[in-house]
Amino acid sequence: MNTEYVEIKSGRKSTRLSHWNYAENGWYFVTICTSNRENFFGNITQGQMQLSNIGKIAQQFWQDIPIHSKKKDVYLDRYVISCSDNYL
């Protein structure tokens, strides 16, 4: 597995710890944001997130990560598709 870090092209600084091997087991907080913060994942209706078809696909792919991982000890904890509806 190539664990070399690729510099972020957006110009913002990386928040990765220089001394941490991200290939190691551990708890990780993952944020996925859509391009240009478009509301692809869905919309909020009466305070509830209503997933779009793309949001439903993203949710299914997220839940399937352990199935497709080369590491067999991958587990997912809770996740949120946020109220800003462009984050997963």
N, C-alpha and C. Protein backbone atom coordinates (compact mmCIF):
# COMPACT_ATOMS: atom_id res chain seq x y z
N MET A 1 0.84 -1.18 0.00
CA MET A 1 0.00 0.00 0.00
C MET A 1 0.89 1.24 0.00
N ASN A 2 0.59 2.18 -0.86
CA ASN A 2 1.34 3.42 -0.91
C ASN A 2 0.76 4.38 0.11
N THR A 3 1.53 4.66 1.14
CA THR A 3 1.03 5.55 2.20
C THR A 3 1.61 6.94 2.08
N GLU A 4 2.31 7.21 0.97
CA GLU A 4 2.88 8.54 0.78
C GLU A 4 1.75 9.55 0.66
N TYR A 5 1.91 10.67 1.34
CA TYR A 5 0.86 11.69 1.35
C TYR A 5 0.97 12.55 0.10
N VAL A 6 -0.13 12.77 -0.57
CA VAL A 6 -0.17 13.65 -1.73
C VAL A 6 -0.65 15.02 -1.26
N GLU A 7 0.11 16.06 -1.58
CA GLU A 7 -0.21 17.41 -1.11
C GLU A 7 -1.59 17.83 -1.61
N ILE A 8 -2.33 18.47 -0.78
CA ILE A 8 -3.66 18.96 -1.12
C ILE A 8 -3.52 20.09 -2.13
N LYS A 9 -4.23 20.01 -3.24
CA LYS A 9 -4.11 20.99 -4.31
C LYS A 9 -4.89 22.26 -4.04
N SER A 10 -5.75 22.25 -3.05
CA SER A 10 -6.58 23.42 -2.79
C SER A 10 -5.80 24.55 -2.15
N GLY A 11 -4.59 24.26 -1.70
CA GLY A 11 -3.77 25.29 -1.08
C GLY A 11 -3.90 25.34 0.43
N ARG A 12 -4.84 24.59 1.01
CA ARG A 12 -4.95 24.62 2.47
C ARG A 12 -3.96 23.64 3.07
N LYS A 13 -3.59 23.90 4.30
CA LYS A 13 -2.61 23.06 4.98
C LYS A 13 -3.22 21.72 5.38
N SER A 14 -2.38 20.71 5.35
CA SER A 14 -2.80 19.38 5.78
C SER A 14 -2.92 19.35 7.30
N THR A 15 -3.89 18.60 7.79
CA THR A 15 -4.03 18.42 9.24
C THR A 15 -3.49 17.07 9.68
N ARG A 16 -2.81 16.37 8.76
CA ARG A 16 -2.24 15.07 9.10
C ARG A 16 -1.09 15.23 10.08
N LEU A 17 -0.99 14.28 11.01
CA LEU A 17 0.12 14.26 11.96
C LEU A 17 1.34 13.67 11.26
N SER A 18 2.46 14.37 11.32
CA SER A 18 3.65 13.92 10.60
C SER A 18 4.21 12.61 11.15
N HIS A 19 4.00 12.35 12.43
CA HIS A 19 4.56 11.15 13.05
C HIS A 19 3.61 9.95 13.04
N TRP A 20 2.41 10.10 12.50
CA TRP A 20 1.42 9.02 12.55
C TRP A 20 1.41 8.26 11.23
N ASN A 21 1.37 6.93 11.32
CA ASN A 21 1.25 6.08 10.14
C ASN A 21 -0.23 5.81 9.92
N TYR A 22 -0.80 6.44 8.94
CA TYR A 22 -2.23 6.33 8.69
C TYR A 22 -2.65 4.97 8.12
N ALA A 23 -1.69 4.09 7.85
CA ALA A 23 -2.02 2.73 7.44
C ALA A 23 -2.28 1.84 8.66
N GLU A 24 -1.97 2.35 9.84
CA GLU A 24 -2.17 1.59 11.08
C GLU A 24 -3.65 1.57 11.47
N ASN A 25 -4.00 0.58 12.27
CA ASN A 25 -5.36 0.52 12.82
C ASN A 25 -5.59 1.71 13.74
N GLY A 26 -6.79 2.20 13.76
CA GLY A 26 -7.15 3.31 14.63
C GLY A 26 -8.52 3.84 14.26
N TRP A 27 -8.99 4.78 15.06
CA TRP A 27 -10.26 5.45 14.78
C TRP A 27 -9.95 6.66 13.92
N TYR A 28 -10.70 6.85 12.85
CA TYR A 28 -10.47 7.96 11.95
C TYR A 28 -11.77 8.72 11.73
N PHE A 29 -11.66 10.03 11.70
CA PHE A 29 -12.79 10.90 11.39
C PHE A 29 -12.64 11.29 9.93
N VAL A 30 -13.62 10.96 9.12
CA VAL A 30 -13.55 11.21 7.68
C VAL A 30 -14.62 12.22 7.30
N THR A 31 -14.23 13.23 6.53
CA THR A 31 -15.17 14.20 6.01
C THR A 31 -15.09 14.16 4.49
N ILE A 32 -16.22 14.04 3.85
CA ILE A 32 -16.29 14.07 2.40
C ILE A 32 -17.15 15.27 2.03
N CYS A 33 -16.61 16.15 1.23
CA CYS A 33 -17.35 17.35 0.82
C CYS A 33 -17.49 17.33 -0.70
N THR A 34 -18.64 17.72 -1.19
CA THR A 34 -18.88 17.73 -2.63
C THR A 34 -18.15 18.89 -3.30
N SER A 35 -17.90 18.74 -4.58
CA SER A 35 -17.26 19.79 -5.37
C SER A 35 -18.12 21.05 -5.35
N ASN A 36 -17.48 22.16 -5.08
CA ASN A 36 -18.17 23.45 -5.00
C ASN A 36 -19.31 23.46 -3.98
N ARG A 37 -19.26 22.50 -3.06
CA ARG A 37 -20.26 22.37 -2.00
C ARG A 37 -21.70 22.29 -2.53
N GLU A 38 -21.81 21.64 -3.68
CA GLU A 38 -23.14 21.42 -4.27
C GLU A 38 -23.94 20.47 -3.37
N ASN A 39 -25.24 20.63 -3.35
CA ASN A 39 -26.10 19.79 -2.51
C ASN A 39 -26.49 18.50 -3.23
N PHE A 40 -25.49 17.70 -3.57
CA PHE A 40 -25.73 16.47 -4.30
C PHE A 40 -26.35 15.38 -3.43
N PHE A 41 -26.06 15.39 -2.13
CA PHE A 41 -26.49 14.28 -1.27
C PHE A 41 -27.96 14.36 -0.88
N GLY A 42 -28.57 15.52 -1.00
CA GLY A 42 -29.97 15.64 -0.64
C GLY A 42 -30.32 17.03 -0.16
N ASN A 43 -31.48 17.14 0.45
CA ASN A 43 -31.98 18.41 0.97
C ASN A 43 -32.60 18.19 2.34
N ILE A 44 -32.70 19.27 3.07
CA ILE A 44 -33.33 19.22 4.38
C ILE A 44 -34.78 19.67 4.23
N THR A 45 -35.69 18.82 4.66
CA THR A 45 -37.12 19.12 4.61
C THR A 45 -37.69 18.92 6.00
N GLN A 46 -38.25 19.99 6.56
CA GLN A 46 -38.83 19.95 7.91
C GLN A 46 -37.84 19.37 8.92
N GLY A 47 -36.59 19.80 8.81
CA GLY A 47 -35.57 19.40 9.77
C GLY A 47 -35.01 18.00 9.59
N GLN A 48 -35.41 17.33 8.52
CA GLN A 48 -34.95 15.96 8.25
C GLN A 48 -34.19 15.92 6.93
N MET A 49 -33.09 15.19 6.93
CA MET A 49 -32.32 15.02 5.70
C MET A 49 -33.04 14.05 4.79
N GLN A 50 -33.35 14.50 3.59
CA GLN A 50 -33.98 13.66 2.57
C GLN A 50 -32.91 13.37 1.53
N LEU A 51 -32.42 12.14 1.50
CA LEU A 51 -31.34 11.79 0.58
C LEU A 51 -31.82 11.79 -0.86
N SER A 52 -30.99 12.35 -1.73
CA SER A 52 -31.23 12.24 -3.16
C SER A 52 -30.78 10.86 -3.62
N ASN A 53 -30.97 10.55 -4.89
CA ASN A 53 -30.47 9.27 -5.40
C ASN A 53 -28.96 9.18 -5.23
N ILE A 54 -28.25 10.27 -5.48
CA ILE A 54 -26.80 10.28 -5.28
C ILE A 54 -26.48 10.08 -3.81
N GLY A 55 -27.24 10.70 -2.92
CA GLY A 55 -27.04 10.52 -1.49
C GLY A 55 -27.24 9.08 -1.06
N LYS A 56 -28.25 8.43 -1.64
CA LYS A 56 -28.50 7.02 -1.32
C LYS A 56 -27.36 6.14 -1.82
N ILE A 57 -26.82 6.45 -2.99
CA ILE A 57 -25.68 5.70 -3.52
C ILE A 57 -24.46 5.91 -2.63
N ALA A 58 -24.21 7.17 -2.24
CA ALA A 58 -23.07 7.46 -1.37
C ALA A 58 -23.20 6.72 -0.04
N GLN A 59 -24.40 6.71 0.51
CA GLN A 59 -24.65 6.00 1.77
C GLN A 59 -24.36 4.51 1.61
N GLN A 60 -24.80 3.91 0.51
CA GLN A 60 -24.57 2.48 0.29
C GLN A 60 -23.08 2.19 0.10
N PHE A 61 -22.39 3.03 -0.66
CA PHE A 61 -20.95 2.83 -0.84
C PHE A 61 -20.22 2.95 0.49
N TRP A 62 -20.63 3.92 1.31
CA TRP A 62 -20.01 4.08 2.63
C TRP A 62 -20.20 2.82 3.47
N GLN A 63 -21.41 2.32 3.49
CA GLN A 63 -21.71 1.13 4.29
C GLN A 63 -20.99 -0.12 3.76
N ASP A 64 -20.65 -0.13 2.47
CA ASP A 64 -19.98 -1.27 1.86
C ASP A 64 -18.46 -1.24 1.98
N ILE A 65 -17.90 -0.20 2.57
CA ILE A 65 -16.44 -0.11 2.70
C ILE A 65 -15.84 -1.38 3.32
N PRO A 66 -16.38 -1.91 4.42
CA PRO A 66 -15.77 -3.13 4.99
C PRO A 66 -15.77 -4.32 4.03
N ILE A 67 -16.76 -4.41 3.17
CA ILE A 67 -16.86 -5.52 2.23
C ILE A 67 -15.72 -5.47 1.21
N HIS A 68 -15.36 -4.26 0.77
CA HIS A 68 -14.39 -4.09 -0.31
C HIS A 68 -12.98 -3.78 0.17
N SER A 69 -12.80 -3.64 1.46
CA SER A 69 -11.48 -3.29 2.00
C SER A 69 -10.52 -4.47 1.89
N LYS A 70 -9.26 -4.17 1.55
CA LYS A 70 -8.23 -5.22 1.52
C LYS A 70 -7.91 -5.68 2.93
N LYS A 71 -8.08 -4.77 3.90
CA LYS A 71 -7.91 -5.15 5.30
C LYS A 71 -9.22 -5.73 5.78
N LYS A 72 -9.15 -6.82 6.50
CA LYS A 72 -10.38 -7.49 6.94
C LYS A 72 -10.88 -6.97 8.29
N ASP A 73 -10.14 -6.08 8.90
CA ASP A 73 -10.55 -5.57 10.21
C ASP A 73 -11.04 -4.13 10.12
N VAL A 74 -11.77 -3.81 9.05
CA VAL A 74 -12.34 -2.48 8.88
C VAL A 74 -13.78 -2.50 9.38
N TYR A 75 -14.07 -1.61 10.31
CA TYR A 75 -15.41 -1.50 10.87
C TYR A 75 -15.84 -0.05 10.80
N LEU A 76 -17.10 0.18 10.55
CA LEU A 76 -17.64 1.53 10.51
C LEU A 76 -18.46 1.78 11.77
N ASP A 77 -18.25 2.94 12.34
CA ASP A 77 -19.06 3.35 13.48
C ASP A 77 -20.19 4.21 12.93
N ARG A 78 -20.70 5.08 13.71
CA ARG A 78 -21.78 5.96 13.29
C ARG A 78 -21.29 6.93 12.23
N TYR A 79 -22.23 7.40 11.42
CA TYR A 79 -21.90 8.42 10.44
C TYR A 79 -23.09 9.37 10.32
N VAL A 80 -22.81 10.54 9.79
CA VAL A 80 -23.84 11.57 9.66
C VAL A 80 -23.74 12.16 8.26
N ILE A 81 -24.86 12.31 7.61
CA ILE A 81 -24.92 13.15 6.43
C ILE A 81 -25.47 14.46 6.95
N SER A 82 -24.63 15.47 6.95
CA SER A 82 -24.89 16.65 7.77
C SER A 82 -25.98 17.57 7.23
N CYS A 83 -26.38 18.46 8.11
CA CYS A 83 -27.43 19.42 7.79
C CYS A 83 -27.02 20.40 6.70
N SER A 84 -25.72 20.51 6.45
CA SER A 84 -25.32 21.39 5.36
C SER A 84 -25.49 20.67 4.02
N ASP A 85 -25.89 19.44 4.06
CA ASP A 85 -26.22 18.52 2.97
C ASP A 85 -25.23 18.47 1.82
N ASN A 86 -23.99 18.87 2.06
CA ASN A 86 -22.96 18.61 1.06
C ASN A 86 -21.76 17.92 1.70
N TYR A 87 -21.98 17.36 2.88
CA TYR A 87 -20.96 16.58 3.58
C TYR A 87 -21.52 15.21 3.90
N LEU A 88 -20.62 14.22 3.91
CA LEU A 88 -21.00 12.87 4.33
C LEU A 88 -20.10 12.50 5.48
